[in-house]
N, C-alpha and C. Protein backbone atom coordinates (compact mmCIF):
# COMPACT_ATOMS: atom_id res chain seq x y z
N MET A 1 0.84 -1.19 0.00
CA MET A 1 0.00 0.00 0.00
C MET A 1 0.88 1.25 0.00
N ARG A 2 1.93 1.25 0.81
CA ARG A 2 2.80 2.43 0.89
C ARG A 2 3.52 2.69 -0.43
N LYS A 3 3.98 1.63 -1.06
CA LYS A 3 4.69 1.81 -2.33
C LYS A 3 3.74 2.38 -3.39
N MET A 4 2.52 1.84 -3.44
CA MET A 4 1.54 2.36 -4.40
C MET A 4 1.21 3.82 -4.08
N ALA A 5 1.03 4.13 -2.81
CA ALA A 5 0.76 5.50 -2.41
C ALA A 5 1.90 6.42 -2.84
N ASP A 6 3.13 5.97 -2.65
CA ASP A 6 4.28 6.77 -3.08
C ASP A 6 4.25 7.00 -4.59
N LEU A 7 3.95 5.95 -5.34
CA LEU A 7 3.88 6.08 -6.79
C LEU A 7 2.77 7.03 -7.23
N LEU A 8 1.68 7.05 -6.46
CA LEU A 8 0.55 7.92 -6.79
C LEU A 8 0.65 9.29 -6.13
N GLU A 9 1.73 9.50 -5.38
CA GLU A 9 1.97 10.77 -4.69
C GLU A 9 0.83 11.15 -3.77
N CYS A 10 0.46 10.20 -2.91
CA CYS A 10 -0.54 10.44 -1.88
C CYS A 10 -0.14 9.62 -0.66
N SER A 11 -0.83 9.81 0.43
CA SER A 11 -0.50 9.06 1.63
C SER A 11 -1.13 7.67 1.58
N ALA A 12 -0.53 6.75 2.29
CA ALA A 12 -1.08 5.40 2.38
C ALA A 12 -2.44 5.44 3.07
N ALA A 13 -2.59 6.32 4.05
CA ALA A 13 -3.88 6.45 4.76
C ALA A 13 -4.97 6.91 3.80
N PHE A 14 -4.65 7.88 2.95
CA PHE A 14 -5.62 8.36 1.96
C PHE A 14 -6.01 7.24 1.00
N LEU A 15 -5.01 6.54 0.49
CA LEU A 15 -5.28 5.46 -0.46
C LEU A 15 -6.11 4.36 0.20
N SER A 16 -5.81 4.06 1.45
CA SER A 16 -6.58 3.06 2.19
C SER A 16 -8.04 3.51 2.34
N ASP A 17 -8.24 4.80 2.63
CA ASP A 17 -9.60 5.33 2.76
C ASP A 17 -10.36 5.24 1.44
N VAL A 18 -9.69 5.50 0.33
CA VAL A 18 -10.32 5.37 -0.99
C VAL A 18 -10.71 3.91 -1.21
N GLU A 19 -9.79 3.02 -0.91
CA GLU A 19 -10.03 1.60 -1.10
C GLU A 19 -11.20 1.10 -0.25
N LYS A 20 -11.34 1.66 0.95
CA LYS A 20 -12.41 1.23 1.87
C LYS A 20 -13.68 2.05 1.71
N ASP A 21 -13.73 2.86 0.65
CA ASP A 21 -14.93 3.64 0.32
C ASP A 21 -15.24 4.71 1.36
N ARG A 22 -14.21 5.22 2.02
CA ARG A 22 -14.40 6.29 2.99
C ARG A 22 -14.09 7.66 2.39
N ARG A 23 -13.55 7.64 1.18
CA ARG A 23 -13.25 8.87 0.44
C ARG A 23 -13.67 8.67 -1.01
N ASN A 24 -13.82 9.77 -1.70
CA ASN A 24 -14.14 9.70 -3.12
C ASN A 24 -13.01 9.02 -3.88
N PRO A 25 -13.30 8.52 -5.06
CA PRO A 25 -12.25 7.92 -5.90
C PRO A 25 -11.13 8.91 -6.17
N LEU A 26 -10.02 8.40 -6.61
CA LEU A 26 -8.86 9.22 -6.95
C LEU A 26 -9.21 10.24 -8.02
N ASP A 27 -8.45 11.32 -8.09
CA ASP A 27 -8.64 12.29 -9.16
C ASP A 27 -8.16 11.68 -10.48
N ILE A 28 -8.49 12.34 -11.57
CA ILE A 28 -8.22 11.79 -12.90
C ILE A 28 -6.73 11.53 -13.13
N LYS A 29 -5.86 12.43 -12.69
CA LYS A 29 -4.42 12.22 -12.90
C LYS A 29 -3.93 10.98 -12.17
N ARG A 30 -4.38 10.79 -10.94
CA ARG A 30 -3.97 9.61 -10.18
C ARG A 30 -4.60 8.34 -10.75
N MET A 31 -5.82 8.46 -11.23
CA MET A 31 -6.46 7.29 -11.84
C MET A 31 -5.71 6.86 -13.10
N GLU A 32 -5.31 7.83 -13.91
CA GLU A 32 -4.55 7.51 -15.12
C GLU A 32 -3.20 6.88 -14.76
N LYS A 33 -2.57 7.43 -13.73
CA LYS A 33 -1.28 6.88 -13.28
C LYS A 33 -1.47 5.46 -12.75
N LEU A 34 -2.52 5.24 -11.97
CA LEU A 34 -2.81 3.90 -11.44
C LEU A 34 -3.04 2.92 -12.59
N ALA A 35 -3.80 3.34 -13.58
CA ALA A 35 -4.06 2.48 -14.74
C ALA A 35 -2.77 2.12 -15.45
N ASP A 36 -1.86 3.08 -15.56
CA ASP A 36 -0.55 2.82 -16.18
C ASP A 36 0.27 1.85 -15.33
N ILE A 37 0.31 2.09 -14.03
CA ILE A 37 1.08 1.22 -13.13
C ILE A 37 0.58 -0.22 -13.21
N LEU A 38 -0.74 -0.36 -13.26
CA LEU A 38 -1.35 -1.70 -13.29
C LEU A 38 -1.45 -2.27 -14.70
N SER A 39 -1.02 -1.51 -15.69
CA SER A 39 -1.10 -1.92 -17.10
C SER A 39 -2.52 -2.36 -17.47
N LEU A 40 -3.49 -1.55 -17.07
CA LEU A 40 -4.88 -1.88 -17.36
C LEU A 40 -5.16 -1.79 -18.86
N SER A 41 -5.99 -2.69 -19.33
CA SER A 41 -6.42 -2.65 -20.72
C SER A 41 -7.35 -1.45 -20.91
N LYS A 42 -7.62 -1.11 -22.15
CA LYS A 42 -8.54 -0.01 -22.44
C LYS A 42 -9.91 -0.29 -21.81
N GLU A 43 -10.36 -1.52 -21.91
CA GLU A 43 -11.66 -1.90 -21.33
C GLU A 43 -11.66 -1.74 -19.81
N ASP A 44 -10.58 -2.18 -19.16
CA ASP A 44 -10.50 -2.05 -17.70
C ASP A 44 -10.39 -0.59 -17.27
N ARG A 45 -9.68 0.22 -18.05
CA ARG A 45 -9.61 1.66 -17.75
C ARG A 45 -11.01 2.28 -17.82
N THR A 46 -11.73 1.93 -18.88
CA THR A 46 -13.08 2.45 -19.05
C THR A 46 -13.95 2.06 -17.87
N THR A 47 -13.85 0.81 -17.45
CA THR A 47 -14.62 0.34 -16.30
C THR A 47 -14.25 1.13 -15.05
N MET A 48 -12.96 1.33 -14.82
CA MET A 48 -12.51 2.08 -13.65
C MET A 48 -13.06 3.51 -13.67
N PHE A 49 -12.96 4.18 -14.82
CA PHE A 49 -13.47 5.55 -14.91
C PHE A 49 -14.99 5.59 -14.73
N ASN A 50 -15.70 4.64 -15.32
CA ASN A 50 -17.15 4.60 -15.16
C ASN A 50 -17.55 4.39 -13.71
N LEU A 51 -16.87 3.49 -13.02
CA LEU A 51 -17.17 3.24 -11.60
C LEU A 51 -16.89 4.48 -10.75
N ALA A 52 -15.81 5.17 -11.06
CA ALA A 52 -15.49 6.40 -10.32
C ALA A 52 -16.57 7.45 -10.55
N GLY A 53 -17.04 7.57 -11.77
CA GLY A 53 -18.12 8.51 -12.06
C GLY A 53 -19.39 8.15 -11.33
N GLU A 54 -19.73 6.88 -11.32
CA GLU A 54 -20.93 6.43 -10.60
C GLU A 54 -20.81 6.74 -9.12
N LYS A 55 -19.64 6.50 -8.56
CA LYS A 55 -19.43 6.76 -7.14
C LYS A 55 -19.60 8.23 -6.81
N ARG A 56 -19.18 9.09 -7.73
CA ARG A 56 -19.30 10.53 -7.52
C ARG A 56 -20.65 11.07 -8.00
N ASP A 57 -21.48 10.21 -8.54
CA ASP A 57 -22.78 10.58 -9.09
C ASP A 57 -22.63 11.63 -10.20
N THR A 58 -21.70 11.33 -11.11
CA THR A 58 -21.42 12.21 -12.25
C THR A 58 -20.94 11.36 -13.41
N ILE A 59 -20.56 11.99 -14.50
CA ILE A 59 -20.03 11.21 -15.62
C ILE A 59 -18.61 10.75 -15.30
N ALA A 60 -18.14 9.80 -16.05
CA ALA A 60 -16.78 9.29 -15.86
C ALA A 60 -15.78 10.44 -15.96
N PRO A 61 -14.79 10.48 -15.07
CA PRO A 61 -13.88 11.62 -15.03
C PRO A 61 -12.96 11.78 -16.24
N ASP A 62 -12.91 10.79 -17.11
CA ASP A 62 -12.08 10.93 -18.31
C ASP A 62 -12.82 11.62 -19.45
N LEU A 63 -14.10 11.89 -19.29
CA LEU A 63 -14.89 12.46 -20.38
C LEU A 63 -14.99 13.98 -20.44
N PRO A 64 -15.06 14.71 -19.34
CA PRO A 64 -15.24 16.16 -19.44
C PRO A 64 -14.21 16.88 -20.31
N GLU A 65 -12.95 16.51 -20.21
CA GLU A 65 -11.92 17.18 -21.00
C GLU A 65 -12.10 16.91 -22.50
N TYR A 66 -12.75 15.82 -22.84
CA TYR A 66 -13.05 15.53 -24.25
C TYR A 66 -14.29 16.30 -24.68
N ILE A 67 -15.29 16.33 -23.82
CA ILE A 67 -16.57 16.94 -24.17
C ILE A 67 -16.49 18.46 -24.24
N LYS A 68 -15.84 19.08 -23.27
CA LYS A 68 -15.85 20.55 -23.15
C LYS A 68 -15.46 21.30 -24.42
N PRO A 69 -14.36 20.98 -25.08
CA PRO A 69 -13.99 21.77 -26.26
C PRO A 69 -14.72 21.37 -27.54
N ARG A 70 -15.58 20.38 -27.46
CA ARG A 70 -16.25 19.88 -28.66
C ARG A 70 -17.77 20.10 -28.55
N ASP A 71 -18.23 21.21 -29.06
CA ASP A 71 -19.66 21.53 -28.97
C ASP A 71 -20.53 20.45 -29.58
N TYR A 72 -20.05 19.82 -30.65
CA TYR A 72 -20.86 18.81 -31.32
C TYR A 72 -21.14 17.61 -30.42
N VAL A 73 -20.26 17.32 -29.48
CA VAL A 73 -20.50 16.21 -28.56
C VAL A 73 -21.65 16.56 -27.63
N SER A 74 -21.65 17.78 -27.11
CA SER A 74 -22.74 18.23 -26.26
C SER A 74 -24.06 18.23 -27.02
N VAL A 75 -24.02 18.69 -28.27
CA VAL A 75 -25.23 18.69 -29.10
C VAL A 75 -25.73 17.26 -29.31
N ALA A 76 -24.83 16.35 -29.61
CA ALA A 76 -25.21 14.95 -29.83
C ALA A 76 -25.81 14.34 -28.57
N LEU A 77 -25.22 14.62 -27.43
CA LEU A 77 -25.76 14.09 -26.18
C LEU A 77 -27.15 14.64 -25.87
N ARG A 78 -27.32 15.93 -26.09
CA ARG A 78 -28.64 16.53 -25.84
C ARG A 78 -29.68 16.01 -26.83
N THR A 79 -29.27 15.82 -28.07
CA THR A 79 -30.19 15.27 -29.06
C THR A 79 -30.61 13.87 -28.66
N ALA A 80 -29.66 13.05 -28.25
CA ALA A 80 -29.99 11.68 -27.81
C ALA A 80 -30.92 11.73 -26.60
N ARG A 81 -30.63 12.63 -25.66
CA ARG A 81 -31.49 12.77 -24.48
C ARG A 81 -32.90 13.19 -24.89
N ASP A 82 -33.00 14.19 -25.74
CA ASP A 82 -34.31 14.71 -26.15
C ASP A 82 -35.12 13.68 -26.93
N LEU A 83 -34.43 12.83 -27.66
CA LEU A 83 -35.12 11.77 -28.41
C LEU A 83 -35.38 10.55 -27.53
N ASP A 84 -34.85 10.59 -26.31
CA ASP A 84 -34.93 9.46 -25.39
C ASP A 84 -34.36 8.22 -26.06
N ALA A 85 -33.24 8.42 -26.74
CA ALA A 85 -32.61 7.32 -27.47
C ALA A 85 -31.99 6.32 -26.51
N ASP A 86 -32.06 5.06 -26.93
CA ASP A 86 -31.37 4.01 -26.18
C ASP A 86 -30.38 3.34 -27.12
N GLU A 87 -29.71 2.32 -26.64
CA GLU A 87 -28.68 1.67 -27.46
C GLU A 87 -29.23 1.09 -28.75
N ALA A 88 -30.47 0.68 -28.76
CA ALA A 88 -31.07 0.09 -29.96
C ALA A 88 -31.30 1.15 -31.04
N ASP A 89 -31.42 2.42 -30.62
CA ASP A 89 -31.66 3.50 -31.57
C ASP A 89 -30.35 3.88 -32.20
């Protein structure tokens, strides 16, 4: 735990609290670093980010930086919402 905390530049106590669900998930930079350290696949990274977003009751933390500068993504999301589109649509 201490070695991982050192690699993530946080305290072992903080990391333990995150692991035990006593604190919010790691920030995006630490999550990306953790994914690199663990050599997570793209699918596992996506799962990790999605779970972190669910825990925070927001979207996955890897998405805002992609969405913000791209107006068309926001338009597409709102269009899908307004149409009440699902995966089959």
